[in-house]
Amino acid sequence: MYVGPLTLERFEEYFNQERLGELYLPNGECLIEPAERKVPTRYGPFGVLLADVYKSITGWDETGETKLSLNNILGVIAFGDSVRIPNAKKRKKYYVVGPEIHTDKPETIYPTHLDLLLVAKEGIKYSPEDIEPERYEENPAEIELGGIRTHITTYQELEHSCFREGIEEYGNPAMNGVVIFSGEKDLDHLLFKDEVNQLTIGWRENSGDRILDGQIDF
């Protein structure tokens, strides 16, 4: 298993070789098998197809053309609800005798999309298209595969946490983000890290057809 960002060049090689699997996220869940007779509903981790990630950040279409070359991408950061560390909600308990007691209750997060921050070179004009989640036909509230929202910014904007309008409504990439693909710029040092924000990404090829899967953990 390899831990750390994958280079964009290696990512593209896996895509061209049709060896991309899924990227699994720490928050949320996806429907694996609906309940049937005495068999209960089965859920797995929330995830997206890595091939869809490649298509979203490059604008790849069925003709094999891309709208954005990897040479114009400095790196890609995962952020938003699917990777956000659950906020601790404070509950107060009062006792007639003794001090006030505070307890933490972790927040349960159910994302629908993976949010990506594409850090591009200055002057690049590109509008990534969203990929909507795949929903269970008989109950659209159940998600079978997560969607992808790709947002675009520049290194300078990331460096000063001055993101383009609309990005921060999905979360702050600098405060709750992890670099998943690296280019010619080091982005990791621009992300806030402490004893709470310790997001990591790991990659593993299966032993059969060597399909690559990724997983982000707290």
C-alpha atoms as a PDB file:
ATOM      1  CA  MET A   1       0.000   0.000   0.000  1.00  0.00           C
ATOM      2  CA  TYR A   2       1.245   3.453  -0.897  1.00  0.00           C
ATOM      3  CA  VAL A   3       0.350   6.387   1.390  1.00  0.00           C
ATOM      4  CA  GLY A   4       0.328   9.921   0.029  1.00  0.00           C
ATOM      5  CA  PRO A   5      -0.777  11.804  -3.081  1.00  0.00           C
ATOM      6  CA  LEU A   6      -0.592   9.998  -6.426  1.00  0.00           C
ATOM      7  CA  THR A   7       1.165  11.888  -9.200  1.00  0.00           C
ATOM      8  CA  LEU A   8      -1.110  13.131 -11.960  1.00  0.00           C
ATOM      9  CA  GLU A   9       1.034  11.355 -14.555  1.00  0.00           C
ATOM     10  CA  ARG A  10       0.619   8.007 -12.780  1.00  0.00           C
ATOM     11  CA  PHE A  11      -3.115   8.664 -12.391  1.00  0.00           C
ATOM     12  CA  GLU A  12      -3.417   9.200 -16.127  1.00  0.00           C
ATOM     13  CA  GLU A  13      -1.507   5.988 -16.827  1.00  0.00           C
ATOM     14  CA  TYR A  14      -3.976   4.006 -14.712  1.00  0.00           C
ATOM     15  CA  PHE A  15      -6.870   5.662 -16.540  1.00  0.00           C
ATOM     16  CA  ASN A  16      -5.466   4.868 -19.989  1.00  0.00           C
ATOM     17  CA  GLN A  17      -4.855   1.267 -18.903  1.00  0.00           C
ATOM     18  CA  GLU A  18      -8.439   1.019 -17.543  1.00  0.00           C
ATOM     19  CA  ARG A  19      -7.112   0.051 -14.132  1.00  0.00           C
ATOM     20  CA  LEU A  20      -8.928   2.575 -11.935  1.00  0.00           C
ATOM     21  CA  GLY A  21     -11.295   1.350  -9.236  1.00  0.00           C
ATOM     22  CA  GLU A  22     -12.959   3.414  -6.511  1.00  0.00           C
ATOM     23  CA  LEU A  23     -11.996   6.133  -4.061  1.00  0.00           C
ATOM     24  CA  TYR A  24     -13.526   5.474  -0.630  1.00  0.00           C
ATOM     25  CA  LEU A  25     -14.300   8.356   1.728  1.00  0.00           C
ATOM     26  CA  PRO A  26     -14.515   8.429   5.547  1.00  0.00           C
ATOM     27  CA  ASN A  27     -18.026   9.919   5.821  1.00  0.00           C
ATOM     28  CA  GLY A  28     -21.288   8.518   4.534  1.00  0.00           C
ATOM     29  CA  GLU A  29     -22.335   5.215   3.030  1.00  0.00           C
ATOM     30  CA  CYS A  30     -23.467   3.692  -0.255  1.00  0.00           C
ATOM     31  CA  LEU A  31     -26.133   1.098  -0.803  1.00  0.00           C
ATOM     32  CA  ILE A  32     -24.638  -2.263  -1.768  1.00  0.00           C
ATOM     33  CA  GLU A  33     -27.675  -4.500  -1.664  1.00  0.00           C
ATOM     34  CA  PRO A  34     -31.299  -3.530  -0.881  1.00  0.00           C
ATOM     35  CA  ALA A  35     -33.346  -5.547   1.585  1.00  0.00           C
ATOM     36  CA  GLU A  36     -35.104  -8.543   0.077  1.00  0.00           C
ATOM     37  CA  ARG A  37     -37.260 -10.989   2.001  1.00  0.00           C
ATOM     38  CA  LYS A  38     -35.242 -11.877   5.095  1.00  0.00           C
ATOM     39  CA  VAL A  39     -32.007 -10.361   3.809  1.00  0.00           C
ATOM     40  CA  PRO A  40     -31.325  -6.958   5.447  1.00  0.00           C
ATOM     41  CA  THR A  41     -30.127  -3.898   3.559  1.00  0.00           C
ATOM     42  CA  ARG A  42     -26.358  -3.864   3.119  1.00  0.00           C
ATOM     43  CA  TYR A  43     -24.277  -0.686   3.071  1.00  0.00           C
ATOM     44  CA  GLY A  44     -20.627  -0.007   2.298  1.00  0.00           C
ATOM     45  CA  PRO A  45     -18.388   3.054   2.563  1.00  0.00           C
ATOM     46  CA  PHE A  46     -19.252   6.142   0.552  1.00  0.00           C
ATOM     47  CA  GLY A  47     -17.220   6.147  -2.657  1.00  0.00           C
ATOM     48  CA  VAL A  48     -16.786   7.463  -6.178  1.00  0.00           C
ATOM     49  CA  LEU A  49     -15.284   5.982  -9.336  1.00  0.00           C
ATOM     50  CA  LEU A  50     -11.698   7.115  -9.883  1.00  0.00           C
ATOM     51  CA  ALA A  51     -12.328   7.087 -13.643  1.00  0.00           C
ATOM     52  CA  ASP A  52     -15.078   9.665 -13.045  1.00  0.00           C
ATOM     53  CA  VAL A  53     -12.611  11.756 -11.034  1.00  0.00           C
ATOM     54  CA  TYR A  54     -10.231  11.779 -14.000  1.00  0.00           C
ATOM     55  CA  LYS A  55     -13.045  12.700 -16.393  1.00  0.00           C
ATOM     56  CA  SER A  56     -14.201  15.509 -14.120  1.00  0.00           C
ATOM     57  CA  ILE A  57     -10.825  17.186 -13.617  1.00  0.00           C
ATOM     58  CA  THR A  58      -9.768  16.937 -17.277  1.00  0.00           C
ATOM     59  CA  GLY A  59     -13.087  17.243 -19.122  1.00  0.00           C
ATOM     60  CA  TRP A  60     -12.478  13.903 -20.877  1.00  0.00           C
ATOM     61  CA  ASP A  61     -15.216  12.880 -23.308  1.00  0.00           C
ATOM     62  CA  GLU A  62     -16.105   9.707 -25.207  1.00  0.00           C
ATOM     63  CA  THR A  63     -13.922  10.746 -28.157  1.00  0.00           C
ATOM     64  CA  GLY A  64     -10.877  10.568 -25.888  1.00  0.00           C
ATOM     65  CA  GLU A  65     -10.336  14.333 -25.961  1.00  0.00           C
ATOM     66  CA  THR A  66      -9.685  16.371 -22.818  1.00  0.00           C
ATOM     67  CA  LYS A  67     -10.485  20.030 -22.214  1.00  0.00           C
ATOM     68  CA  LEU A  68      -7.714  20.529 -19.650  1.00  0.00           C
ATOM     69  CA  SER A  69      -4.237  19.056 -19.940  1.00  0.00           C
ATOM     70  CA  LEU A  70      -2.599  17.640 -16.829  1.00  0.00           C
ATOM     71  CA  ASN A  71       0.276  20.045 -17.544  1.00  0.00           C
ATOM     72  CA  ASN A  72      -2.068  22.867 -16.464  1.00  0.00           C
ATOM     73  CA  ILE A  73      -3.006  21.192 -13.168  1.00  0.00           C
ATOM     74  CA  LEU A  74      -0.795  21.819 -10.124  1.00  0.00           C
ATOM     75  CA  GLY A  75      -2.648  19.398  -7.863  1.00  0.00           C
ATOM     76  CA  VAL A  76      -6.051  18.214  -6.644  1.00  0.00           C
ATOM     77  CA  ILE A  77      -7.447  18.429  -3.095  1.00  0.00           C
ATOM     78  CA  ALA A  78     -10.401  16.473  -1.691  1.00  0.00           C
ATOM     79  CA  PHE A  79     -12.556  18.444   0.761  1.00  0.00           C
ATOM     80  CA  GLY A  80     -16.196  18.950   1.730  1.00  0.00           C
ATOM     81  CA  ASP A  81     -18.646  16.784   3.659  1.00  0.00           C
ATOM     82  CA  SER A  82     -17.300  13.447   2.439  1.00  0.00           C
ATOM     83  CA  VAL A  83     -13.909  14.063   4.134  1.00  0.00           C
ATOM     84  CA  ARG A  84     -14.806  16.658   6.768  1.00  0.00           C
ATOM     85  CA  ILE A  85     -13.870  15.578  10.271  1.00  0.00           C
ATOM     86  CA  PRO A  86     -17.165  15.428  12.204  1.00  0.00           C
ATOM     87  CA  ASN A  87     -17.660  18.438  14.430  1.00  0.00           C
ATOM     88  CA  ALA A  88     -18.141  17.665  18.097  1.00  0.00           C
ATOM     89  CA  LYS A  89     -21.478  18.997  19.303  1.00  0.00           C
ATOM     90  CA  LYS A  90     -21.468  20.146  22.905  1.00  0.00           C
ATOM     91  CA  ARG A  91     -24.159  18.970  25.300  1.00  0.00           C
ATOM     92  CA  LYS A  92     -24.434  20.433  28.772  1.00  0.00           C
ATOM     93  CA  LYS A  93     -25.480  18.433  31.809  1.00  0.00           C
ATOM     94  CA  TYR A  94     -26.155  20.095  35.106  1.00  0.00           C
ATOM     95  CA  TYR A  95     -26.029  18.467  38.489  1.00  0.00           C
ATOM     96  CA  VAL A  96     -27.465  19.750  41.756  1.00  0.00           C
ATOM     97  CA  VAL A  97     -24.167  18.968  43.420  1.00  0.00           C
ATOM     98  CA  GLY A  98     -20.866  19.130  41.583  1.00  0.00           C
ATOM     99  CA  PRO A  99     -19.459  20.907  38.521  1.00  0.00           C
ATOM    100  CA  GLU A 100     -21.124  21.397  35.183  1.00  0.00           C
ATOM    101  CA  ILE A 101     -20.336  18.467  32.865  1.00  0.00           C
ATOM    102  CA  HIS A 102     -19.690  18.820  29.133  1.00  0.00           C
ATOM    103  CA  THR A 103     -19.812  15.835  26.803  1.00  0.00           C
ATOM    104  CA  ASP A 104     -19.126  15.565  23.084  1.00  0.00           C
ATOM    105  CA  LYS A 105     -21.521  13.993  20.613  1.00  0.00           C
ATOM    106  CA  PRO A 106     -19.964  13.303  17.187  1.00  0.00           C
ATOM    107  CA  GLU A 107     -21.896  14.549  14.184  1.00  0.00           C
ATOM    108  CA  THR A 108     -23.096  12.005  11.622  1.00  0.00           C
ATOM    109  CA  ILE A 109     -22.448  13.201   8.062  1.00  0.00           C
ATOM    110  CA  TYR A 110     -24.252  11.829   5.014  1.00  0.00           C
ATOM    111  CA  PRO A 111     -22.639  13.353   1.904  1.00  0.00           C
ATOM    112  CA  THR A 112     -23.955  13.024  -1.636  1.00  0.00           C
ATOM    113  CA  HIS A 113     -20.814  14.248  -3.441  1.00  0.00           C
ATOM    114  CA  LEU A 114     -17.050  14.281  -3.224  1.00  0.00           C
ATOM    115  CA  ASP A 115     -15.841  17.883  -3.573  1.00  0.00           C
ATOM    116  CA  LEU A 116     -12.545  18.387  -5.387  1.00  0.00           C
ATOM    117  CA  LEU A 117     -10.452  21.534  -5.545  1.00  0.00           C
ATOM    118  CA  LEU A 118      -8.523  21.607  -8.815  1.00  0.00           C
ATOM    119  CA  VAL A 119      -5.526  23.917  -8.455  1.00  0.00           C
ATOM    120  CA  ALA A 120      -4.726  25.185 -11.952  1.00  0.00           C
ATOM    121  CA  LYS A 121      -2.146  27.485 -13.438  1.00  0.00           C
ATOM    122  CA  GLU A 122      -2.939  31.179 -13.788  1.00  0.00           C
ATOM    123  CA  GLY A 123      -5.086  32.188 -16.743  1.00  0.00           C
ATOM    124  CA  ILE A 124      -6.703  28.775 -17.288  1.00  0.00           C
ATOM    125  CA  LYS A 125     -10.331  28.983 -18.383  1.00  0.00           C
ATOM    126  CA  TYR A 126     -12.099  25.736 -17.610  1.00  0.00           C
ATOM    127  CA  SER A 127     -15.522  24.989 -16.133  1.00  0.00           C
ATOM    128  CA  PRO A 128     -15.680  21.407 -14.804  1.00  0.00           C
ATOM    129  CA  GLU A 129     -19.027  19.640 -15.027  1.00  0.00           C
ATOM    130  CA  ASP A 130     -20.601  18.010 -11.982  1.00  0.00           C
ATOM    131  CA  ILE A 131     -21.195  14.265 -11.932  1.00  0.00           C
ATOM    132  CA  GLU A 132     -24.408  13.444 -10.117  1.00  0.00           C
ATOM    133  CA  PRO A 133     -24.650  10.518  -7.698  1.00  0.00           C
ATOM    134  CA  GLU A 134     -26.190   7.247  -8.802  1.00  0.00           C
ATOM    135  CA  ARG A 135     -29.352   6.618  -6.782  1.00  0.00           C
ATOM    136  CA  TYR A 136     -31.325   3.455  -6.143  1.00  0.00           C
ATOM    137  CA  GLU A 137     -34.232   3.530  -8.591  1.00  0.00           C
ATOM    138  CA  GLU A 138     -36.849   2.339  -6.098  1.00  0.00           C
ATOM    139  CA  ASN A 139     -35.713   4.754  -3.387  1.00  0.00           C
ATOM    140  CA  PRO A 140     -33.745   7.792  -4.676  1.00  0.00           C
ATOM    141  CA  ALA A 141     -32.779   8.707  -1.107  1.00  0.00           C
ATOM    142  CA  GLU A 142     -30.410   5.723  -1.208  1.00  0.00           C
ATOM    143  CA  ILE A 143     -27.099   6.465  -2.970  1.00  0.00           C
ATOM    144  CA  GLU A 144     -25.344   3.636  -4.795  1.00  0.00           C
ATOM    145  CA  LEU A 145     -22.381   5.707  -5.985  1.00  0.00           C
ATOM    146  CA  GLY A 146     -21.314   9.182  -4.941  1.00  0.00           C
ATOM    147  CA  GLY A 147     -21.314  12.217  -7.203  1.00  0.00           C
ATOM    148  CA  ILE A 148     -18.400  14.567  -7.878  1.00  0.00           C
ATOM    149  CA  ARG A 149     -18.226  18.371  -7.767  1.00  0.00           C
ATOM    150  CA  THR A 150     -14.983  19.848  -9.081  1.00  0.00           C
ATOM    151  CA  HIS A 151     -14.131  23.434  -8.193  1.00  0.00           C
ATOM    152  CA  ILE A 152     -11.215  25.344  -9.708  1.00  0.00           C
ATOM    153  CA  THR A 153      -8.773  27.784  -8.131  1.00  0.00           C
ATOM    154  CA  THR A 154      -5.148  28.911  -8.503  1.00  0.00           C
ATOM    155  CA  TYR A 155      -2.074  28.373  -6.354  1.00  0.00           C
ATOM    156  CA  GLN A 156      -2.077  32.035  -5.351  1.00  0.00           C
ATOM    157  CA  GLU A 157      -5.708  31.877  -4.206  1.00  0.00           C
ATOM    158  CA  LEU A 158      -5.036  28.706  -2.213  1.00  0.00           C
ATOM    159  CA  GLU A 159      -1.917  30.249  -0.673  1.00  0.00           C
ATOM    160  CA  HIS A 160      -3.955  33.167   0.665  1.00  0.00           C
ATOM    161  CA  SER A 161      -7.137  31.136   1.346  1.00  0.00           C
ATOM    162  CA  CYS A 162      -8.926  33.555  -0.992  1.00  0.00           C
ATOM    163  CA  PHE A 163     -11.084  31.118  -2.914  1.00  0.00           C
ATOM    164  CA  ARG A 164     -13.319  31.925  -5.816  1.00  0.00           C
ATOM    165  CA  GLU A 165     -16.946  32.645  -5.026  1.00  0.00           C
ATOM    166  CA  GLY A 166     -19.015  29.600  -4.138  1.00  0.00           C
ATOM    167  CA  ILE A 167     -16.228  27.232  -3.078  1.00  0.00           C
ATOM    168  CA  GLU A 168     -16.377  27.762   0.691  1.00  0.00           C
ATOM    169  CA  GLU A 169     -20.086  26.944   0.885  1.00  0.00           C
ATOM    170  CA  TYR A 170     -18.957  23.313   0.509  1.00  0.00           C
ATOM    171  CA  GLY A 171     -16.216  23.617   3.152  1.00  0.00           C
ATOM    172  CA  ASN A 172     -12.781  25.155   3.561  1.00  0.00           C
ATOM    173  CA  PRO A 173     -10.188  23.163   1.576  1.00  0.00           C
ATOM    174  CA  ALA A 174      -7.299  24.644   3.570  1.00  0.00           C
ATOM    175  CA  MET A 175      -8.827  23.658   6.921  1.00  0.00           C
ATOM    176  CA  ASN A 176     -10.404  20.303   6.055  1.00  0.00           C
ATOM    177  CA  GLY A 177      -8.760  18.957   2.943  1.00  0.00           C
ATOM    178  CA  VAL A 178      -6.223  16.389   1.758  1.00  0.00           C
ATOM    179  CA  VAL A 179      -4.068  16.433  -1.377  1.00  0.00           C
ATOM    180  CA  ILE A 180      -4.914  13.352  -3.450  1.00  0.00           C
ATOM    181  CA  PHE A 181      -3.075  14.116  -6.721  1.00  0.00           C
ATOM    182  CA  SER A 182       0.192  16.016  -6.971  1.00  0.00           C
ATOM    183  CA  GLY A 183       1.644  18.018  -9.834  1.00  0.00           C
ATOM    184  CA  GLU A 184       4.606  20.364 -10.062  1.00  0.00           C
ATOM    185  CA  LYS A 185       3.661  22.348  -6.930  1.00  0.00           C
ATOM    186  CA  ASP A 186       3.731  21.200  -3.301  1.00  0.00           C
ATOM    187  CA  LEU A 187       0.247  21.925  -1.970  1.00  0.00           C
ATOM    188  CA  ASP A 188       0.389  19.987   1.281  1.00  0.00           C
ATOM    189  CA  HIS A 189       2.212  22.718   3.208  1.00  0.00           C
ATOM    190  CA  LEU A 190      -0.684  25.125   2.454  1.00  0.00           C
ATOM    191  CA  LEU A 191      -3.197  22.930   4.311  1.00  0.00           C
ATOM    192  CA  PHE A 192      -3.805  23.373   8.017  1.00  0.00           C
ATOM    193  CA  LYS A 193      -2.692  20.341  10.041  1.00  0.00           C
ATOM    194  CA  ASP A 194      -3.044  19.693  13.761  1.00  0.00           C
ATOM    195  CA  GLU A 195      -3.797  16.797  16.095  1.00  0.00           C
ATOM    196  CA  VAL A 196      -7.421  16.788  14.831  1.00  0.00           C
ATOM    197  CA  ASN A 197      -6.981  17.365  11.100  1.00  0.00           C
ATOM    198  CA  GLN A 198      -4.875  14.346  10.150  1.00  0.00           C
ATOM    199  CA  LEU A 199      -6.449  13.241   6.885  1.00  0.00           C
ATOM    200  CA  THR A 200      -4.365  10.754   4.908  1.00  0.00           C
ATOM    201  CA  ILE A 201      -4.846   8.998   1.578  1.00  0.00           C
ATOM    202  CA  GLY A 202      -3.634   5.521   0.702  1.00  0.00           C
ATOM    203  CA  TRP A 203      -3.566   3.544  -2.562  1.00  0.00           C
ATOM    204  CA  ARG A 204      -3.674  -0.188  -3.159  1.00  0.00           C
ATOM    205  CA  GLU A 205      -3.676  -2.444  -6.228  1.00  0.00           C
ATOM    206  CA  ASN A 206      -5.636  -5.684  -5.934  1.00  0.00           C
ATOM    207  CA  SER A 207      -3.701  -8.873  -6.513  1.00  0.00           C
ATOM    208  CA  GLY A 208      -5.732  -9.993  -9.544  1.00  0.00           C
ATOM    209  CA  ASP A 209      -6.141  -7.469 -12.353  1.00  0.00           C
ATOM    210  CA  ARG A 210      -4.159  -4.793 -10.428  1.00  0.00           C
ATOM    211  CA  ILE A 211      -7.061  -2.359 -10.245  1.00  0.00           C
ATOM    212  CA  LEU A 212      -6.158   0.703  -8.173  1.00  0.00           C
ATOM    213  CA  ASP A 213      -8.362   1.774  -5.251  1.00  0.00           C
ATOM    214  CA  GLY A 214      -7.853   4.747  -2.960  1.00  0.00           C
ATOM    215  CA  GLN A 215      -9.037   5.431   0.569  1.00  0.00           C
ATOM    216  CA  ILE A 216      -9.072   8.587   2.666  1.00  0.00           C
ATOM    217  CA  ASP A 217      -8.970   8.123   6.457  1.00  0.00           C
ATOM    218  CA  PHE A 218      -9.038  10.374   9.499  1.00  0.00           C
END
